[in-house]
Amino acid sequence: MREALESQELPTIKPDIDNCVKGIFDALNKIAWNDDSQVVALVTRKYYSDHPEIEVKVWKIGEEAQGII
């Protein structure tokens, strides 16, 4: 368990990351973009955590994407 929480072991279990992304994209239609077809780049990761969360950062095309690791 310690290895998992220290990101030495990554989750290869459900939920599938593509299903998580699809739900987020659909939820952000008409809020962050007119349609999710406008999204041109994506970075996704899953980690084990004692405090599960989803973090979404959105930039307009042409704006600097600061802080991407």
PDB file of N, CA and C in Angstrom:
ATOM      1  N   MET A   1       0.825  -1.203   0.000  1.00  0.00           N
ATOM      2  CA  MET A   1       0.000   0.000   0.000  1.00  0.00           C
ATOM      3  C   MET A   1       0.863   1.258   0.000  1.00  0.00           C
ATOM      4  N   ARG A   2       1.960   1.262   0.741  1.00  0.00           N
ATOM      5  CA  ARG A   2       2.840   2.426   0.805  1.00  0.00           C
ATOM      6  C   ARG A   2       3.378   2.761  -0.584  1.00  0.00           C
ATOM      7  N   GLU A   3       3.795   1.725  -1.350  1.00  0.00           N
ATOM      8  CA  GLU A   3       4.323   1.937  -2.694  1.00  0.00           C
ATOM      9  C   GLU A   3       3.288   2.599  -3.600  1.00  0.00           C
ATOM     10  N   ALA A   4       2.039   2.178  -3.443  1.00  0.00           N
ATOM     11  CA  ALA A   4       0.966   2.754  -4.253  1.00  0.00           C
ATOM     12  C   ALA A   4       0.778   4.233  -3.939  1.00  0.00           C
ATOM     13  N   LEU A   5       0.745   4.582  -2.669  1.00  0.00           N
ATOM     14  CA  LEU A   5       0.523   5.976  -2.279  1.00  0.00           C
ATOM     15  C   LEU A   5       1.728   6.860  -2.591  1.00  0.00           C
ATOM     16  N   GLU A   6       2.902   6.269  -2.736  1.00  0.00           N
ATOM     17  CA  GLU A   6       4.093   7.040  -3.098  1.00  0.00           C
ATOM     18  C   GLU A   6       4.327   7.028  -4.613  1.00  0.00           C
ATOM     19  N   SER A   7       3.329   6.631  -5.376  1.00  0.00           N
ATOM     20  CA  SER A   7       3.348   6.586  -6.840  1.00  0.00           C
ATOM     21  C   SER A   7       4.413   5.664  -7.407  1.00  0.00           C
ATOM     22  N   GLN A   8       4.877   4.714  -6.607  1.00  0.00           N
ATOM     23  CA  GLN A   8       5.803   3.713  -7.122  1.00  0.00           C
ATOM     24  C   GLN A   8       5.024   2.598  -7.817  1.00  0.00           C
ATOM     25  N   GLU A   9       3.752   2.518  -7.520  1.00  0.00           N
ATOM     26  CA  GLU A   9       2.859   1.548  -8.152  1.00  0.00           C
ATOM     27  C   GLU A   9       1.681   2.336  -8.707  1.00  0.00           C
ATOM     28  N   LEU A  10       1.426   2.203  -9.986  1.00  0.00           N
ATOM     29  CA  LEU A  10       0.345   2.951 -10.609  1.00  0.00           C
ATOM     30  C   LEU A  10      -0.889   2.066 -10.778  1.00  0.00           C
ATOM     31  N   PRO A  11      -2.078   2.662 -10.701  1.00  0.00           N
ATOM     32  CA  PRO A  11      -3.315   1.893 -10.757  1.00  0.00           C
ATOM     33  C   PRO A  11      -3.649   1.417 -12.168  1.00  0.00           C
ATOM     34  N   THR A  12      -3.660   0.125 -12.364  1.00  0.00           N
ATOM     35  CA  THR A  12      -4.073  -0.442 -13.648  1.00  0.00           C
ATOM     36  C   THR A  12      -5.419  -1.138 -13.484  1.00  0.00           C
ATOM     37  N   ILE A  13      -6.232  -0.566 -12.609  1.00  0.00           N
ATOM     38  CA  ILE A  13      -7.557  -1.104 -12.304  1.00  0.00           C
ATOM     39  C   ILE A  13      -8.625  -0.113 -12.753  1.00  0.00           C
ATOM     40  N   LYS A  14      -9.857  -0.510 -12.660  1.00  0.00           N
ATOM     41  CA  LYS A  14     -10.963   0.380 -13.005  1.00  0.00           C
ATOM     42  C   LYS A  14     -11.053   1.514 -11.994  1.00  0.00           C
ATOM     43  N   PRO A  15     -11.517   2.691 -12.364  1.00  0.00           N
ATOM     44  CA  PRO A  15     -12.122   3.010 -13.643  1.00  0.00           C
ATOM     45  C   PRO A  15     -11.067   3.205 -14.737  1.00  0.00           C
ATOM     46  N   ASP A  16     -11.459   2.905 -15.968  1.00  0.00           N
ATOM     47  CA  ASP A  16     -10.592   3.150 -17.111  1.00  0.00           C
ATOM     48  C   ASP A  16     -10.425   4.656 -17.277  1.00  0.00           C
ATOM     49  N   ILE A  17      -9.217   5.080 -17.558  1.00  0.00           N
ATOM     50  CA  ILE A  17      -8.945   6.517 -17.642  1.00  0.00           C
ATOM     51  C   ILE A  17      -9.727   7.175 -18.776  1.00  0.00           C
ATOM     52  N   ASP A  18      -9.945   6.464 -19.885  1.00  0.00           N
ATOM     53  CA  ASP A  18     -10.690   7.055 -20.996  1.00  0.00           C
ATOM     54  C   ASP A  18     -12.155   7.299 -20.627  1.00  0.00           C
ATOM     55  N   ASN A  19     -12.713   6.453 -19.777  1.00  0.00           N
ATOM     56  CA  ASN A  19     -14.097   6.666 -19.324  1.00  0.00           C
ATOM     57  C   ASN A  19     -14.185   7.882 -18.400  1.00  0.00           C
ATOM     58  N   CYS A  20     -13.182   8.079 -17.570  1.00  0.00           N
ATOM     59  CA  CYS A  20     -13.143   9.269 -16.709  1.00  0.00           C
ATOM     60  C   CYS A  20     -13.068  10.530 -17.560  1.00  0.00           C
ATOM     61  N   VAL A  21     -12.195  10.513 -18.545  1.00  0.00           N
ATOM     62  CA  VAL A  21     -12.020  11.677 -19.420  1.00  0.00           C
ATOM     63  C   VAL A  21     -13.308  11.973 -20.177  1.00  0.00           C
ATOM     64  N   LYS A  22     -13.952  10.956 -20.716  1.00  0.00           N
ATOM     65  CA  LYS A  22     -15.186  11.165 -21.486  1.00  0.00           C
ATOM     66  C   LYS A  22     -16.258  11.839 -20.632  1.00  0.00           C
ATOM     67  N   GLY A  23     -16.408  11.402 -19.407  1.00  0.00           N
ATOM     68  CA  GLY A  23     -17.395  12.020 -18.526  1.00  0.00           C
ATOM     69  C   GLY A  23     -17.082  13.481 -18.236  1.00  0.00           C
ATOM     70  N   ILE A  24     -15.812  13.768 -18.022  1.00  0.00           N
ATOM     71  CA  ILE A  24     -15.393  15.151 -17.762  1.00  0.00           C
ATOM     72  C   ILE A  24     -15.605  16.007 -18.998  1.00  0.00           C
ATOM     73  N   PHE A  25     -15.202  15.489 -20.164  1.00  0.00           N
ATOM     74  CA  PHE A  25     -15.390  16.240 -21.409  1.00  0.00           C
ATOM     75  C   PHE A  25     -16.862  16.550 -21.642  1.00  0.00           C
ATOM     76  N   ASP A  26     -17.720  15.577 -21.475  1.00  0.00           N
ATOM     77  CA  ASP A  26     -19.147  15.808 -21.675  1.00  0.00           C
ATOM     78  C   ASP A  26     -19.692  16.830 -20.675  1.00  0.00           C
ATOM     79  N   ALA A  27     -19.230  16.763 -19.437  1.00  0.00           N
ATOM     80  CA  ALA A  27     -19.698  17.694 -18.406  1.00  0.00           C
ATOM     81  C   ALA A  27     -19.265  19.127 -18.694  1.00  0.00           C
ATOM     82  N   LEU A  28     -18.132  19.299 -19.365  1.00  0.00           N
ATOM     83  CA  LEU A  28     -17.610  20.638 -19.619  1.00  0.00           C
ATOM     84  C   LEU A  28     -18.079  21.242 -20.941  1.00  0.00           C
ATOM     85  N   ASN A  29     -18.862  20.467 -21.736  1.00  0.00           N
ATOM     86  CA  ASN A  29     -19.454  21.042 -22.949  1.00  0.00           C
ATOM     87  C   ASN A  29     -20.332  22.224 -22.565  1.00  0.00           C
ATOM     88  N   LYS A  30     -20.194  23.299 -23.299  1.00  0.00           N
ATOM     89  CA  LYS A  30     -20.926  24.566 -23.102  1.00  0.00           C
ATOM     90  C   LYS A  30     -20.472  25.319 -21.847  1.00  0.00           C
ATOM     91  N   ILE A  31     -19.480  24.793 -21.133  1.00  0.00           N
ATOM     92  CA  ILE A  31     -18.935  25.482 -19.966  1.00  0.00           C
ATOM     93  C   ILE A  31     -17.507  25.925 -20.260  1.00  0.00           C
ATOM     94  N   ALA A  32     -16.646  24.974 -20.599  1.00  0.00           N
ATOM     95  CA  ALA A  32     -15.245  25.283 -20.893  1.00  0.00           C
ATOM     96  C   ALA A  32     -15.010  25.409 -22.399  1.00  0.00           C
ATOM     97  N   TRP A  33     -15.872  24.808 -23.200  1.00  0.00           N
ATOM     98  CA  TRP A  33     -15.786  24.859 -24.661  1.00  0.00           C
ATOM     99  C   TRP A  33     -17.177  24.639 -25.226  1.00  0.00           C
ATOM    100  N   ASN A  34     -17.345  24.974 -26.493  1.00  0.00           N
ATOM    101  CA  ASN A  34     -18.652  24.740 -27.121  1.00  0.00           C
ATOM    102  C   ASN A  34     -18.895  23.252 -27.329  1.00  0.00           C
ATOM    103  N   ASP A  35     -17.858  22.535 -27.730  1.00  0.00           N
ATOM    104  CA  ASP A  35     -17.951  21.096 -27.944  1.00  0.00           C
ATOM    105  C   ASP A  35     -16.583  20.490 -27.689  1.00  0.00           C
ATOM    106  N   ASP A  36     -16.529  19.277 -27.118  1.00  0.00           N
ATOM    107  CA  ASP A  36     -15.235  18.688 -26.781  1.00  0.00           C
ATOM    108  C   ASP A  36     -14.381  18.356 -28.011  1.00  0.00           C
ATOM    109  N   SER A  37     -14.938  18.488 -29.209  1.00  0.00           N
ATOM    110  CA  SER A  37     -14.123  18.321 -30.418  1.00  0.00           C
ATOM    111  C   SER A  37     -13.085  19.438 -30.542  1.00  0.00           C
ATOM    112  N   GLN A  38     -13.252  20.524 -29.785  1.00  0.00           N
ATOM    113  CA  GLN A  38     -12.306  21.636 -29.799  1.00  0.00           C
ATOM    114  C   GLN A  38     -11.034  21.331 -29.012  1.00  0.00           C
ATOM    115  N   VAL A  39     -11.036  20.298 -28.201  1.00  0.00           N
ATOM    116  CA  VAL A  39      -9.862  19.934 -27.402  1.00  0.00           C
ATOM    117  C   VAL A  39      -8.809  19.355 -28.339  1.00  0.00           C
ATOM    118  N   VAL A  40      -7.586  19.921 -28.292  1.00  0.00           N
ATOM    119  CA  VAL A  40      -6.527  19.483 -29.209  1.00  0.00           C
ATOM    120  C   VAL A  40      -5.360  18.802 -28.500  1.00  0.00           C
ATOM    121  N   ALA A  41      -5.310  18.846 -27.192  1.00  0.00           N
ATOM    122  CA  ALA A  41      -4.232  18.184 -26.444  1.00  0.00           C
ATOM    123  C   ALA A  41      -4.777  17.743 -25.097  1.00  0.00           C
ATOM    124  N   LEU A  42      -4.168  16.664 -24.573  1.00  0.00           N
ATOM    125  CA  LEU A  42      -4.663  16.089 -23.333  1.00  0.00           C
ATOM    126  C   LEU A  42      -3.527  15.368 -22.619  1.00  0.00           C
ATOM    127  N   VAL A  43      -3.395  15.602 -21.316  1.00  0.00           N
ATOM    128  CA  VAL A  43      -2.460  14.864 -20.471  1.00  0.00           C
ATOM    129  C   VAL A  43      -3.288  14.257 -19.347  1.00  0.00           C
ATOM    130  N   THR A  44      -3.230  12.947 -19.197  1.00  0.00           N
ATOM    131  CA  THR A  44      -4.003  12.290 -18.146  1.00  0.00           C
ATOM    132  C   THR A  44      -3.116  11.341 -17.356  1.00  0.00           C
ATOM    133  N   ARG A  45      -3.423  11.220 -16.089  1.00  0.00           N
ATOM    134  CA  ARG A  45      -2.699  10.309 -15.210  1.00  0.00           C
ATOM    135  C   ARG A  45      -3.648   9.821 -14.130  1.00  0.00           C
ATOM    136  N   LYS A  46      -3.426   8.595 -13.673  1.00  0.00           N
ATOM    137  CA  LYS A  46      -4.158   8.056 -12.523  1.00  0.00           C
ATOM    138  C   LYS A  46      -3.140   7.741 -11.438  1.00  0.00           C
ATOM    139  N   TYR A  47      -3.508   8.043 -10.208  1.00  0.00           N
ATOM    140  CA  TYR A  47      -2.665   7.732  -9.057  1.00  0.00           C
ATOM    141  C   TYR A  47      -3.535   7.159  -7.955  1.00  0.00           C
ATOM    142  N   TYR A  48      -2.951   6.363  -7.100  1.00  0.00           N
ATOM    143  CA  TYR A  48      -3.623   5.981  -5.861  1.00  0.00           C
ATOM    144  C   TYR A  48      -3.551   7.171  -4.917  1.00  0.00           C
ATOM    145  N   SER A  49      -4.576   7.350  -4.093  1.00  0.00           N
ATOM    146  CA  SER A  49      -4.593   8.483  -3.173  1.00  0.00           C
ATOM    147  C   SER A  49      -5.535   8.211  -2.001  1.00  0.00           C
ATOM    148  N   ASP A  50      -5.189   8.773  -0.853  1.00  0.00           N
ATOM    149  CA  ASP A  50      -6.104   8.764   0.281  1.00  0.00           C
ATOM    150  C   ASP A  50      -7.191   9.813   0.104  1.00  0.00           C
ATOM    151  N   HIS A  51      -6.951  10.757  -0.810  1.00  0.00           N
ATOM    152  CA  HIS A  51      -7.878  11.874  -1.057  1.00  0.00           C
ATOM    153  C   HIS A  51      -8.132  11.977  -2.561  1.00  0.00           C
ATOM    154  N   PRO A  52      -8.978  11.100  -3.112  1.00  0.00           N
ATOM    155  CA  PRO A  52      -9.220  11.108  -4.551  1.00  0.00           C
ATOM    156  C   PRO A  52      -9.806  12.429  -5.023  1.00  0.00           C
ATOM    157  N   GLU A  53      -9.356  12.862  -6.174  1.00  0.00           N
ATOM    158  CA  GLU A  53      -9.861  14.096  -6.768  1.00  0.00           C
ATOM    159  C   GLU A  53      -9.591  14.072  -8.256  1.00  0.00           C
ATOM    160  N   ILE A  54     -10.228  14.963  -8.959  1.00  0.00           N
ATOM    161  CA  ILE A  54      -9.965  15.181 -10.373  1.00  0.00           C
ATOM    162  C   ILE A  54      -9.606  16.646 -10.521  1.00  0.00           C
ATOM    163  N   GLU A  55      -8.509  16.903 -11.200  1.00  0.00           N
ATOM    164  CA  GLU A  55      -8.070  18.270 -11.450  1.00  0.00           C
ATOM    165  C   GLU A  55      -8.090  18.506 -12.951  1.00  0.00           C
ATOM    166  N   VAL A  56      -8.724  19.584 -13.371  1.00  0.00           N
ATOM    167  CA  VAL A  56      -8.837  19.916 -14.788  1.00  0.00           C
ATOM    168  C   VAL A  56      -8.278  21.316 -14.982  1.00  0.00           C
ATOM    169  N   LYS A  57      -7.373  21.455 -15.958  1.00  0.00           N
ATOM    170  CA  LYS A  57      -6.837  22.757 -16.340  1.00  0.00           C
ATOM    171  C   LYS A  57      -7.136  22.961 -17.818  1.00  0.00           C
ATOM    172  N   VAL A  58      -7.669  24.119 -18.169  1.00  0.00           N
ATOM    173  CA  VAL A  58      -8.062  24.404 -19.543  1.00  0.00           C
ATOM    174  C   VAL A  58      -7.398  25.706 -19.973  1.00  0.00           C
ATOM    175  N   TRP A  59      -6.798  25.698 -21.182  1.00  0.00           N
ATOM    176  CA  TRP A  59      -6.213  26.902 -21.756  1.00  0.00           C
ATOM    177  C   TRP A  59      -6.781  27.107 -23.144  1.00  0.00           C
ATOM    178  N   LYS A  60      -6.924  28.369 -23.535  1.00  0.00           N
ATOM    179  CA  LYS A  60      -7.301  28.680 -24.904  1.00  0.00           C
ATOM    180  C   LYS A  60      -6.099  28.428 -25.799  1.00  0.00           C
ATOM    181  N   ILE A  61      -6.366  28.082 -27.047  1.00  0.00           N
ATOM    182  CA  ILE A  61      -5.288  27.890 -28.013  1.00  0.00           C
ATOM    183  C   ILE A  61      -4.492  29.179 -28.118  1.00  0.00           C
ATOM    184  N   GLY A  62      -3.179  29.044 -28.042  1.00  0.00           N
ATOM    185  CA  GLY A  62      -2.299  30.207 -28.133  1.00  0.00           C
ATOM    186  C   GLY A  62      -1.855  30.733 -26.795  1.00  0.00           C
ATOM    187  N   GLU A  63      -2.541  30.373 -25.712  1.00  0.00           N
ATOM    188  CA  GLU A  63      -2.114  30.802 -24.397  1.00  0.00           C
ATOM    189  C   GLU A  63      -1.042  29.859 -23.875  1.00  0.00           C
ATOM    190  N   GLU A  64      -0.116  30.361 -23.093  1.00  0.00           N
ATOM    191  CA  GLU A  64       0.938  29.561 -22.486  1.00  0.00           C
ATOM    192  C   GLU A  64       0.324  28.570 -21.506  1.00  0.00           C
ATOM    193  N   ALA A  65       0.697  27.298 -21.607  1.00  0.00           N
ATOM    194  CA  ALA A  65       0.243  26.269 -20.669  1.00  0.00           C
ATOM    195  C   ALA A  65       1.250  26.191 -19.527  1.00  0.00           C
ATOM    196  N   GLN A  66       1.116  27.047 -18.546  1.00  0.00           N
ATOM    197  CA  GLN A  66       2.036  27.124 -17.432  1.00  0.00           C
ATOM    198  C   GLN A  66       1.814  25.986 -16.465  1.00  0.00           C
ATOM    199  N   GLY A  67       2.876  25.448 -15.932  1.00  0.00           N
ATOM    200  CA  GLY A  67       2.778  24.492 -14.857  1.00  0.00           C
ATOM    201  C   GLY A  67       2.513  23.049 -15.262  1.00  0.00           C
ATOM    202  N   ILE A  68       2.568  22.728 -16.534  1.00  0.00           N
ATOM    203  CA  ILE A  68       2.373  21.336 -16.950  1.00  0.00           C
ATOM    204  C   ILE A  68       3.662  20.574 -16.680  1.00  0.00           C
ATOM    205  N   ILE A  69       3.537  19.466 -15.998  1.00  0.00           N
ATOM    206  CA  ILE A  69       4.706  18.654 -15.638  1.00  0.00           C
ATOM    207  C   ILE A  69       4.767  17.447 -16.567  1.00  0.00           C
TER     208      ILE A  69
END
